Amino acid sequence: MATTVTSKGQVTIPKPVREHLGISPGSQVEFRRAADGSIVIEKADGTRPPSRFAKLVGIAGPGPSTDEIMAITRGD
């Protein structure tokens, strides 16, 4: 996603990025240089909404134990 820098050095953060980071009006953001030299933008308080995968963790229940899985695979 590309955005244009104004004469004052300001940019508009694209809506998908704001939503992903949980940035709303009044939020502070932080810029940092990654080890590979790229620049990373993060919400300053370090919080971020859970990823779509994190939301799925644990929804299937505890599942069978290792012993139960081994019994099934062995045909016991």
N, C-alpha and C. Protein backbone atom coordinates (compact mmCIF):
# COMPACT_ATOMS: atom_id res chain seq x y z
N MET A 1 0.83 -1.17 0.00
CA MET A 1 0.00 0.00 0.00
C MET A 1 0.88 1.24 0.00
N ALA A 2 0.58 2.12 -0.86
CA ALA A 2 1.35 3.36 -0.96
C ALA A 2 0.51 4.52 -0.44
N THR A 3 1.19 5.52 0.08
CA THR A 3 0.54 6.74 0.54
C THR A 3 1.46 7.91 0.21
N THR A 4 0.94 9.10 0.19
CA THR A 4 1.70 10.29 -0.20
C THR A 4 2.09 11.09 1.05
N VAL A 5 3.31 11.59 1.06
CA VAL A 5 3.81 12.42 2.15
C VAL A 5 3.44 13.87 1.85
N THR A 6 2.86 14.57 2.82
CA THR A 6 2.50 15.98 2.64
C THR A 6 3.74 16.85 2.82
N SER A 7 3.59 18.14 2.55
CA SER A 7 4.71 19.08 2.72
C SER A 7 5.15 19.18 4.17
N LYS A 8 4.27 18.80 5.10
CA LYS A 8 4.61 18.81 6.53
C LYS A 8 5.20 17.48 7.00
N GLY A 9 5.39 16.53 6.07
CA GLY A 9 5.94 15.23 6.43
C GLY A 9 4.90 14.27 6.98
N GLN A 10 3.64 14.56 6.77
CA GLN A 10 2.57 13.71 7.30
C GLN A 10 2.10 12.72 6.24
N VAL A 11 1.64 11.56 6.71
CA VAL A 11 1.05 10.56 5.83
C VAL A 11 -0.25 10.06 6.46
N THR A 12 -1.12 9.54 5.63
CA THR A 12 -2.32 8.88 6.12
C THR A 12 -2.03 7.39 6.17
N ILE A 13 -2.22 6.77 7.33
CA ILE A 13 -2.01 5.34 7.45
C ILE A 13 -3.22 4.65 6.82
N PRO A 14 -3.01 3.77 5.86
CA PRO A 14 -4.14 3.12 5.20
C PRO A 14 -5.05 2.38 6.19
N LYS A 15 -6.34 2.39 5.91
CA LYS A 15 -7.33 1.80 6.80
C LYS A 15 -7.03 0.35 7.17
N PRO A 16 -6.64 -0.52 6.22
CA PRO A 16 -6.34 -1.91 6.60
C PRO A 16 -5.21 -2.01 7.63
N VAL A 17 -4.22 -1.11 7.53
CA VAL A 17 -3.11 -1.10 8.48
C VAL A 17 -3.60 -0.63 9.85
N ARG A 18 -4.39 0.45 9.86
CA ARG A 18 -4.95 0.95 11.13
C ARG A 18 -5.78 -0.12 11.81
N GLU A 19 -6.61 -0.81 11.05
CA GLU A 19 -7.46 -1.85 11.63
C GLU A 19 -6.61 -3.00 12.17
N HIS A 20 -5.60 -3.40 11.42
CA HIS A 20 -4.73 -4.51 11.84
C HIS A 20 -4.00 -4.19 13.14
N LEU A 21 -3.53 -2.95 13.26
CA LEU A 21 -2.78 -2.55 14.45
C LEU A 21 -3.66 -2.05 15.58
N GLY A 22 -4.96 -1.86 15.31
CA GLY A 22 -5.85 -1.34 16.35
C GLY A 22 -5.63 0.14 16.61
N ILE A 23 -5.24 0.88 15.58
CA ILE A 23 -4.96 2.31 15.71
C ILE A 23 -6.24 3.09 15.46
N SER A 24 -6.56 3.98 16.39
CA SER A 24 -7.73 4.84 16.25
C SER A 24 -7.28 6.28 16.49
N PRO A 25 -8.16 7.26 16.23
CA PRO A 25 -7.76 8.65 16.47
C PRO A 25 -7.23 8.84 17.89
N GLY A 26 -6.10 9.48 18.01
CA GLY A 26 -5.47 9.71 19.31
C GLY A 26 -4.45 8.65 19.69
N SER A 27 -4.40 7.54 18.95
CA SER A 27 -3.41 6.49 19.23
C SER A 27 -2.02 7.00 18.89
N GLN A 28 -1.04 6.49 19.59
CA GLN A 28 0.34 6.81 19.26
C GLN A 28 0.96 5.62 18.55
N VAL A 29 1.82 5.92 17.58
CA VAL A 29 2.52 4.86 16.86
C VAL A 29 4.02 5.02 17.07
N GLU A 30 4.72 3.96 16.85
CA GLU A 30 6.16 3.93 17.05
C GLU A 30 6.81 3.40 15.78
N PHE A 31 7.90 4.02 15.37
CA PHE A 31 8.67 3.56 14.23
C PHE A 31 9.98 3.01 14.76
N ARG A 32 10.40 1.85 14.24
CA ARG A 32 11.70 1.31 14.64
C ARG A 32 12.36 0.66 13.44
N ARG A 33 13.67 0.60 13.49
CA ARG A 33 14.43 -0.03 12.42
C ARG A 33 14.63 -1.50 12.77
N ALA A 34 14.24 -2.38 11.87
CA ALA A 34 14.42 -3.82 12.07
C ALA A 34 15.87 -4.19 11.74
N ALA A 35 16.26 -5.41 12.11
CA ALA A 35 17.63 -5.88 11.90
C ALA A 35 18.01 -5.86 10.42
N ASP A 36 17.03 -6.07 9.53
CA ASP A 36 17.33 -6.08 8.10
C ASP A 36 17.34 -4.68 7.48
N GLY A 37 17.15 -3.64 8.30
CA GLY A 37 17.18 -2.27 7.82
C GLY A 37 15.82 -1.70 7.46
N SER A 38 14.81 -2.54 7.43
CA SER A 38 13.47 -2.03 7.11
C SER A 38 12.91 -1.28 8.32
N ILE A 39 11.88 -0.48 8.08
CA ILE A 39 11.24 0.29 9.13
C ILE A 39 9.91 -0.37 9.47
N VAL A 40 9.65 -0.53 10.76
CA VAL A 40 8.44 -1.18 11.25
C VAL A 40 7.61 -0.15 12.00
N ILE A 41 6.31 -0.13 11.74
CA ILE A 41 5.40 0.74 12.48
C ILE A 41 4.58 -0.14 13.41
N GLU A 42 4.47 0.29 14.67
CA GLU A 42 3.72 -0.46 15.67
C GLU A 42 2.89 0.51 16.50
N LYS A 43 1.82 0.00 17.08
CA LYS A 43 1.07 0.80 18.04
C LYS A 43 1.99 0.99 19.25
N ALA A 44 2.09 2.21 19.75
CA ALA A 44 3.08 2.54 20.78
C ALA A 44 2.91 1.76 22.08
N ASP A 45 1.68 1.38 22.43
CA ASP A 45 1.50 0.64 23.68
C ASP A 45 1.82 -0.84 23.53
N GLY A 46 2.20 -1.26 22.33
CA GLY A 46 2.61 -2.63 22.11
C GLY A 46 1.47 -3.63 21.95
N THR A 47 0.24 -3.18 22.06
CA THR A 47 -0.87 -4.10 21.90
C THR A 47 -1.27 -4.18 20.44
N ARG A 48 -1.77 -5.33 20.09
CA ARG A 48 -2.26 -5.53 18.73
C ARG A 48 -3.40 -6.53 18.81
N PRO A 49 -4.43 -6.34 18.03
CA PRO A 49 -5.53 -7.31 18.06
C PRO A 49 -5.00 -8.70 17.74
N PRO A 50 -5.61 -9.74 18.29
CA PRO A 50 -5.13 -11.09 18.00
C PRO A 50 -5.26 -11.41 16.52
N SER A 51 -4.32 -12.20 16.01
CA SER A 51 -4.38 -12.60 14.61
C SER A 51 -5.55 -13.54 14.40
N ARG A 52 -5.91 -13.74 13.16
CA ARG A 52 -7.04 -14.64 12.89
C ARG A 52 -6.72 -16.05 13.35
N PHE A 53 -5.45 -16.43 13.40
CA PHE A 53 -5.07 -17.75 13.87
C PHE A 53 -5.12 -17.83 15.40
N ALA A 54 -4.70 -16.77 16.07
CA ALA A 54 -4.74 -16.74 17.53
C ALA A 54 -6.18 -16.86 18.04
N LYS A 55 -7.12 -16.31 17.26
CA LYS A 55 -8.52 -16.39 17.66
C LYS A 55 -9.03 -17.83 17.63
N LEU A 56 -8.37 -18.71 16.88
CA LEU A 56 -8.83 -20.10 16.74
C LEU A 56 -8.25 -21.04 17.79
N VAL A 57 -7.23 -20.61 18.49
CA VAL A 57 -6.56 -21.47 19.47
C VAL A 57 -7.54 -21.89 20.56
N GLY A 58 -7.65 -23.20 20.75
CA GLY A 58 -8.48 -23.73 21.83
C GLY A 58 -9.94 -23.93 21.52
N ILE A 59 -10.41 -23.59 20.32
CA ILE A 59 -11.85 -23.70 20.06
C ILE A 59 -12.29 -25.14 19.81
N ALA A 60 -11.34 -26.03 19.51
CA ALA A 60 -11.70 -27.42 19.24
C ALA A 60 -11.80 -28.25 20.51
N GLY A 61 -11.48 -27.69 21.64
CA GLY A 61 -11.51 -28.44 22.90
C GLY A 61 -10.17 -29.10 23.16
N PRO A 62 -10.07 -29.84 24.26
CA PRO A 62 -8.78 -30.40 24.66
C PRO A 62 -8.27 -31.51 23.73
N GLY A 63 -9.16 -32.26 23.10
CA GLY A 63 -8.72 -33.32 22.19
C GLY A 63 -8.27 -34.55 22.96
N PRO A 64 -7.97 -35.60 22.22
CA PRO A 64 -7.55 -36.85 22.87
C PRO A 64 -6.13 -36.74 23.43
N SER A 65 -5.84 -37.60 24.40
CA SER A 65 -4.50 -37.63 24.98
C SER A 65 -3.56 -38.35 24.03
N THR A 66 -2.27 -38.26 24.29
CA THR A 66 -1.28 -38.94 23.47
C THR A 66 -1.52 -40.44 23.48
N ASP A 67 -1.83 -41.00 24.65
CA ASP A 67 -2.09 -42.44 24.74
C ASP A 67 -3.29 -42.83 23.89
N GLU A 68 -4.34 -42.02 23.88
CA GLU A 68 -5.53 -42.31 23.07
C GLU A 68 -5.20 -42.25 21.57
N ILE A 69 -4.40 -41.27 21.19
CA ILE A 69 -4.00 -41.17 19.78
C ILE A 69 -3.17 -42.38 19.36
N MET A 70 -2.25 -42.78 20.22
CA MET A 70 -1.41 -43.95 19.91
C MET A 70 -2.26 -45.21 19.80
N ALA A 71 -3.26 -45.37 20.66
CA ALA A 71 -4.14 -46.53 20.60
C ALA A 71 -4.92 -46.55 19.29
N ILE A 72 -5.39 -45.38 18.86
CA ILE A 72 -6.14 -45.28 17.60
C ILE A 72 -5.25 -45.63 16.41
N THR A 73 -4.05 -45.09 16.38
CA THR A 73 -3.16 -45.34 15.24
C THR A 73 -2.67 -46.79 15.20
N ARG A 74 -2.60 -47.44 16.34
CA ARG A 74 -2.18 -48.85 16.39
C ARG A 74 -3.35 -49.80 16.17
N GLY A 75 -4.55 -49.26 16.17
CA GLY A 75 -5.72 -50.10 15.97
C GLY A 75 -6.15 -50.83 17.23
N ASP A 76 -5.76 -50.34 18.40
CA ASP A 76 -6.13 -50.99 19.67
C ASP A 76 -7.58 -50.70 20.01
